[in-house]
Amino acid sequence: MSDIHHVNADTFQSEVLESEVPVLVDFTAVWCGPCKMLEPIVAELAAEWEGRVKVVKLDVDHNQALAMNYQVMGVPTLILFKDGEIRERMTGYRPKKKIVKKISPHI
């Protein structure tokens, strides 16, 4: 299983916006219960989509300006970027099946 890479304000441009493959960004926080529930699902998706989708995490507490820039009002929020643009957005815990259904058309 692949380790999920963490991004921040310094690496967001190169890792997410300039990525050759779609990027699923997990906007999260260490204190967030639903984020912890979503973690194993995000890890499974990262492994299943390896090579087709890059999956990264972004801590909203350490990157508040970036979270505000993308209007992340609650965590967890999953945002799929493709060619530097937002293609899908989901806020709150979602079962794996629902995440796959929303993201799959874009990959």
N, C-alpha and C. Protein backbone atom coordinates (compact mmCIF):
# COMPACT_ATOMS: atom_id res chain seq x y z
N MET A 1 0.85 -1.20 0.00
CA MET A 1 0.00 0.00 0.00
C MET A 1 0.89 1.25 0.00
N SER A 2 0.52 2.23 -0.78
CA SER A 2 1.34 3.43 -0.89
C SER A 2 1.10 4.37 0.30
N ASP A 3 2.18 5.01 0.72
CA ASP A 3 2.05 6.03 1.76
C ASP A 3 1.42 7.26 1.15
N ILE A 4 0.54 7.90 1.90
CA ILE A 4 -0.11 9.10 1.40
C ILE A 4 0.79 10.29 1.72
N HIS A 5 1.13 11.00 0.69
CA HIS A 5 2.02 12.16 0.79
C HIS A 5 1.26 13.36 1.35
N HIS A 6 1.92 14.12 2.21
CA HIS A 6 1.32 15.35 2.75
C HIS A 6 1.81 16.54 1.93
N VAL A 7 0.90 17.44 1.62
CA VAL A 7 1.26 18.66 0.90
C VAL A 7 1.00 19.85 1.81
N ASN A 8 1.60 20.98 1.46
CA ASN A 8 1.39 22.21 2.21
C ASN A 8 1.41 23.38 1.22
N ALA A 9 1.38 24.57 1.74
CA ALA A 9 1.34 25.76 0.88
C ALA A 9 2.54 25.83 -0.06
N ASP A 10 3.70 25.34 0.39
CA ASP A 10 4.91 25.39 -0.43
C ASP A 10 4.90 24.38 -1.58
N THR A 11 4.23 23.24 -1.37
CA THR A 11 4.28 22.17 -2.37
C THR A 11 2.97 22.00 -3.15
N PHE A 12 1.93 22.71 -2.78
CA PHE A 12 0.61 22.54 -3.38
C PHE A 12 0.63 22.79 -4.89
N GLN A 13 1.28 23.85 -5.32
CA GLN A 13 1.34 24.20 -6.74
C GLN A 13 1.94 23.05 -7.56
N SER A 14 3.10 22.58 -7.17
CA SER A 14 3.78 21.55 -7.96
C SER A 14 3.14 20.17 -7.79
N GLU A 15 2.73 19.82 -6.59
CA GLU A 15 2.19 18.48 -6.33
C GLU A 15 0.74 18.30 -6.81
N VAL A 16 -0.04 19.38 -6.76
CA VAL A 16 -1.47 19.26 -7.07
C VAL A 16 -1.82 19.95 -8.39
N LEU A 17 -1.60 21.25 -8.45
CA LEU A 17 -2.06 22.02 -9.61
C LEU A 17 -1.31 21.70 -10.89
N GLU A 18 -0.03 21.32 -10.78
CA GLU A 18 0.77 21.02 -11.97
C GLU A 18 0.94 19.53 -12.22
N SER A 19 0.19 18.70 -11.50
CA SER A 19 0.31 17.25 -11.64
C SER A 19 -0.17 16.78 -13.01
N GLU A 20 0.51 15.78 -13.54
CA GLU A 20 0.14 15.17 -14.82
C GLU A 20 -1.09 14.29 -14.69
N VAL A 21 -1.33 13.77 -13.48
CA VAL A 21 -2.48 12.90 -13.21
C VAL A 21 -3.46 13.62 -12.28
N PRO A 22 -4.72 13.19 -12.25
CA PRO A 22 -5.66 13.80 -11.30
C PRO A 22 -5.15 13.63 -9.86
N VAL A 23 -5.48 14.60 -9.01
CA VAL A 23 -5.03 14.56 -7.61
C VAL A 23 -6.24 14.70 -6.70
N LEU A 24 -6.39 13.73 -5.78
CA LEU A 24 -7.43 13.79 -4.77
C LEU A 24 -6.78 14.34 -3.50
N VAL A 25 -7.23 15.52 -3.08
CA VAL A 25 -6.68 16.15 -1.89
C VAL A 25 -7.65 15.94 -0.73
N ASP A 26 -7.13 15.36 0.34
CA ASP A 26 -7.89 15.13 1.56
C ASP A 26 -7.57 16.28 2.52
N PHE A 27 -8.47 17.26 2.58
CA PHE A 27 -8.31 18.37 3.53
C PHE A 27 -8.75 17.84 4.89
N THR A 28 -7.84 17.79 5.85
CA THR A 28 -8.07 17.09 7.10
C THR A 28 -7.51 17.85 8.29
N ALA A 29 -7.78 17.36 9.49
CA ALA A 29 -7.22 17.93 10.72
C ALA A 29 -7.03 16.79 11.72
N VAL A 30 -6.00 16.89 12.54
CA VAL A 30 -5.68 15.80 13.47
C VAL A 30 -6.77 15.59 14.52
N TRP A 31 -7.53 16.64 14.86
CA TRP A 31 -8.54 16.55 15.90
C TRP A 31 -9.90 16.08 15.38
N CYS A 32 -10.00 15.84 14.10
CA CYS A 32 -11.28 15.58 13.43
C CYS A 32 -11.64 14.09 13.45
N GLY A 33 -12.71 13.73 14.15
CA GLY A 33 -13.17 12.35 14.23
C GLY A 33 -13.56 11.76 12.88
N PRO A 34 -14.43 12.43 12.11
CA PRO A 34 -14.79 11.90 10.79
C PRO A 34 -13.58 11.75 9.86
N CYS A 35 -12.57 12.61 10.04
CA CYS A 35 -11.35 12.50 9.22
C CYS A 35 -10.65 11.17 9.51
N LYS A 36 -10.61 10.80 10.80
CA LYS A 36 -9.99 9.53 11.19
C LYS A 36 -10.77 8.35 10.63
N MET A 37 -12.09 8.47 10.57
CA MET A 37 -12.92 7.41 10.00
C MET A 37 -12.67 7.28 8.50
N LEU A 38 -12.38 8.39 7.85
CA LEU A 38 -12.18 8.40 6.40
C LEU A 38 -10.78 7.92 6.01
N GLU A 39 -9.83 8.01 6.94
CA GLU A 39 -8.43 7.68 6.66
C GLU A 39 -8.22 6.33 5.98
N PRO A 40 -8.79 5.23 6.52
CA PRO A 40 -8.55 3.93 5.87
C PRO A 40 -9.14 3.86 4.45
N ILE A 41 -10.24 4.56 4.22
CA ILE A 41 -10.85 4.57 2.89
C ILE A 41 -9.93 5.30 1.91
N VAL A 42 -9.42 6.45 2.34
CA VAL A 42 -8.51 7.23 1.50
C VAL A 42 -7.25 6.41 1.20
N ALA A 43 -6.75 5.68 2.19
CA ALA A 43 -5.56 4.84 1.99
C ALA A 43 -5.85 3.72 0.98
N GLU A 44 -7.03 3.11 1.06
CA GLU A 44 -7.42 2.07 0.10
C GLU A 44 -7.49 2.64 -1.31
N LEU A 45 -8.10 3.82 -1.44
CA LEU A 45 -8.23 4.44 -2.75
C LEU A 45 -6.85 4.78 -3.33
N ALA A 46 -5.95 5.26 -2.47
CA ALA A 46 -4.59 5.58 -2.92
C ALA A 46 -3.91 4.34 -3.49
N ALA A 47 -4.10 3.21 -2.83
CA ALA A 47 -3.49 1.95 -3.29
C ALA A 47 -4.16 1.48 -4.58
N GLU A 48 -5.47 1.51 -4.63
CA GLU A 48 -6.21 1.03 -5.80
C GLU A 48 -5.98 1.90 -7.03
N TRP A 49 -5.82 3.20 -6.83
CA TRP A 49 -5.68 4.13 -7.95
C TRP A 49 -4.23 4.48 -8.25
N GLU A 50 -3.29 3.81 -7.59
CA GLU A 50 -1.87 4.13 -7.77
C GLU A 50 -1.50 4.15 -9.25
N GLY A 51 -0.84 5.23 -9.67
CA GLY A 51 -0.45 5.39 -11.05
C GLY A 51 -1.48 6.14 -11.89
N ARG A 52 -2.75 6.14 -11.43
CA ARG A 52 -3.81 6.83 -12.17
C ARG A 52 -4.27 8.10 -11.47
N VAL A 53 -4.21 8.09 -10.13
CA VAL A 53 -4.62 9.24 -9.32
C VAL A 53 -3.62 9.39 -8.19
N LYS A 54 -3.17 10.61 -7.96
CA LYS A 54 -2.31 10.89 -6.82
C LYS A 54 -3.23 11.28 -5.66
N VAL A 55 -3.01 10.68 -4.50
CA VAL A 55 -3.81 11.01 -3.32
C VAL A 55 -2.90 11.66 -2.30
N VAL A 56 -3.28 12.86 -1.84
CA VAL A 56 -2.47 13.59 -0.88
C VAL A 56 -3.35 14.13 0.25
N LYS A 57 -2.70 14.44 1.37
CA LYS A 57 -3.40 15.04 2.52
C LYS A 57 -2.90 16.46 2.74
N LEU A 58 -3.79 17.31 3.22
CA LEU A 58 -3.43 18.67 3.56
C LEU A 58 -4.04 18.99 4.92
N ASP A 59 -3.21 19.33 5.89
CA ASP A 59 -3.68 19.69 7.24
C ASP A 59 -4.19 21.13 7.23
N VAL A 60 -5.48 21.30 7.45
CA VAL A 60 -6.07 22.64 7.37
C VAL A 60 -5.59 23.56 8.48
N ASP A 61 -5.22 23.01 9.63
CA ASP A 61 -4.74 23.85 10.72
C ASP A 61 -3.39 24.49 10.41
N HIS A 62 -2.57 23.78 9.64
CA HIS A 62 -1.25 24.30 9.29
C HIS A 62 -1.24 25.02 7.94
N ASN A 63 -2.36 24.98 7.24
CA ASN A 63 -2.45 25.59 5.91
C ASN A 63 -3.80 26.31 5.77
N GLN A 64 -4.08 27.20 6.72
CA GLN A 64 -5.39 27.86 6.77
C GLN A 64 -5.68 28.70 5.53
N ALA A 65 -4.68 29.40 5.02
CA ALA A 65 -4.90 30.26 3.85
C ALA A 65 -5.29 29.42 2.64
N LEU A 66 -4.64 28.29 2.49
CA LEU A 66 -4.93 27.40 1.36
C LEU A 66 -6.34 26.82 1.49
N ALA A 67 -6.70 26.40 2.70
CA ALA A 67 -8.05 25.88 2.94
C ALA A 67 -9.10 26.95 2.64
N MET A 68 -8.85 28.17 3.07
CA MET A 68 -9.79 29.26 2.81
C MET A 68 -9.87 29.56 1.31
N ASN A 69 -8.73 29.51 0.64
CA ASN A 69 -8.68 29.76 -0.80
C ASN A 69 -9.60 28.81 -1.58
N TYR A 70 -9.68 27.56 -1.10
CA TYR A 70 -10.54 26.57 -1.76
C TYR A 70 -11.88 26.39 -1.03
N GLN A 71 -12.21 27.35 -0.19
CA GLN A 71 -13.50 27.42 0.51
C GLN A 71 -13.82 26.13 1.27
N VAL A 72 -12.80 25.59 1.94
CA VAL A 72 -13.00 24.42 2.78
C VAL A 72 -13.53 24.91 4.12
N MET A 73 -14.83 24.69 4.34
CA MET A 73 -15.49 25.18 5.55
C MET A 73 -15.62 24.10 6.61
N GLY A 74 -15.44 22.85 6.22
CA GLY A 74 -15.54 21.74 7.16
C GLY A 74 -14.59 20.64 6.74
N VAL A 75 -14.20 19.82 7.70
CA VAL A 75 -13.34 18.68 7.41
C VAL A 75 -14.05 17.40 7.86
N PRO A 76 -13.81 16.31 7.19
CA PRO A 76 -12.95 16.19 6.02
C PRO A 76 -13.63 16.74 4.77
N THR A 77 -12.81 17.27 3.87
CA THR A 77 -13.26 17.66 2.54
C THR A 77 -12.31 17.02 1.54
N LEU A 78 -12.88 16.32 0.59
CA LEU A 78 -12.10 15.73 -0.50
C LEU A 78 -12.34 16.57 -1.74
N ILE A 79 -11.26 17.00 -2.38
CA ILE A 79 -11.39 17.76 -3.63
C ILE A 79 -10.52 17.07 -4.67
N LEU A 80 -11.12 16.78 -5.82
CA LEU A 80 -10.38 16.19 -6.93
C LEU A 80 -9.98 17.31 -7.89
N PHE A 81 -8.68 17.42 -8.11
CA PHE A 81 -8.13 18.38 -9.06
C PHE A 81 -7.68 17.61 -10.30
N LYS A 82 -8.02 18.15 -11.47
CA LYS A 82 -7.54 17.57 -12.72
C LYS A 82 -7.15 18.73 -13.62
N ASP A 83 -5.94 18.69 -14.13
CA ASP A 83 -5.40 19.78 -14.94
C ASP A 83 -5.46 21.11 -14.19
N GLY A 84 -5.23 21.05 -12.88
CA GLY A 84 -5.18 22.26 -12.06
C GLY A 84 -6.53 22.84 -11.68
N GLU A 85 -7.61 22.17 -12.07
CA GLU A 85 -8.95 22.68 -11.77
C GLU A 85 -9.73 21.70 -10.91
N ILE A 86 -10.65 22.24 -10.12
CA ILE A 86 -11.50 21.40 -9.28
C ILE A 86 -12.53 20.70 -10.16
N ARG A 87 -12.61 19.37 -10.03
CA ARG A 87 -13.59 18.59 -10.80
C ARG A 87 -14.68 18.03 -9.90
N GLU A 88 -14.34 17.70 -8.65
CA GLU A 88 -15.33 17.19 -7.69
C GLU A 88 -14.97 17.67 -6.29
N ARG A 89 -16.00 17.76 -5.44
CA ARG A 89 -15.80 18.17 -4.05
C ARG A 89 -16.81 17.43 -3.18
N MET A 90 -16.34 16.89 -2.06
CA MET A 90 -17.21 16.21 -1.10
C MET A 90 -16.79 16.64 0.30
N THR A 91 -17.74 17.04 1.09
CA THR A 91 -17.45 17.43 2.47
C THR A 91 -18.15 16.47 3.41
N GLY A 92 -17.42 16.08 4.46
CA GLY A 92 -17.97 15.14 5.43
C GLY A 92 -17.61 13.71 5.08
N TYR A 93 -17.86 12.83 6.02
CA TYR A 93 -17.56 11.41 5.81
C TYR A 93 -18.47 10.85 4.72
N ARG A 94 -17.91 10.07 3.82
CA ARG A 94 -18.68 9.38 2.79
C ARG A 94 -18.19 7.93 2.72
N PRO A 95 -19.09 6.99 2.49
CA PRO A 95 -18.63 5.62 2.28
C PRO A 95 -17.82 5.52 1.00
N LYS A 96 -16.94 4.54 0.94
CA LYS A 96 -16.04 4.36 -0.21
C LYS A 96 -16.83 4.31 -1.52
N LYS A 97 -17.93 3.59 -1.54
CA LYS A 97 -18.72 3.43 -2.76
C LYS A 97 -19.16 4.78 -3.34
N LYS A 98 -19.56 5.71 -2.47
CA LYS A 98 -20.02 7.03 -2.93
C LYS A 98 -18.84 7.86 -3.45
N ILE A 99 -17.70 7.75 -2.80
CA ILE A 99 -16.51 8.48 -3.25
C ILE A 99 -16.10 7.98 -4.64
N VAL A 100 -16.04 6.67 -4.79
CA VAL A 100 -15.65 6.07 -6.07
C VAL A 100 -16.61 6.49 -7.17
N LYS A 101 -17.91 6.50 -6.88
CA LYS A 101 -18.92 6.86 -7.88
C LYS A 101 -18.73 8.30 -8.38
N LYS A 102 -18.37 9.22 -7.47
CA LYS A 102 -18.19 10.63 -7.86
C LYS A 102 -16.85 10.87 -8.57
N ILE A 103 -15.82 10.14 -8.16
CA ILE A 103 -14.47 10.40 -8.69
C ILE A 103 -14.20 9.65 -9.99
N SER A 104 -14.71 8.44 -10.10
CA SER A 104 -14.39 7.56 -11.24
C SER A 104 -14.59 8.18 -12.62
N PRO A 105 -15.65 8.96 -12.86
CA PRO A 105 -15.80 9.54 -14.20
C PRO A 105 -14.64 10.45 -14.61
N HIS A 106 -13.85 10.91 -13.66
CA HIS A 106 -12.78 11.87 -13.96
C HIS A 106 -11.41 11.22 -14.13
N ILE A 107 -11.36 9.89 -13.93
CA ILE A 107 -10.04 9.23 -14.02
C ILE A 107 -10.00 8.18 -15.12
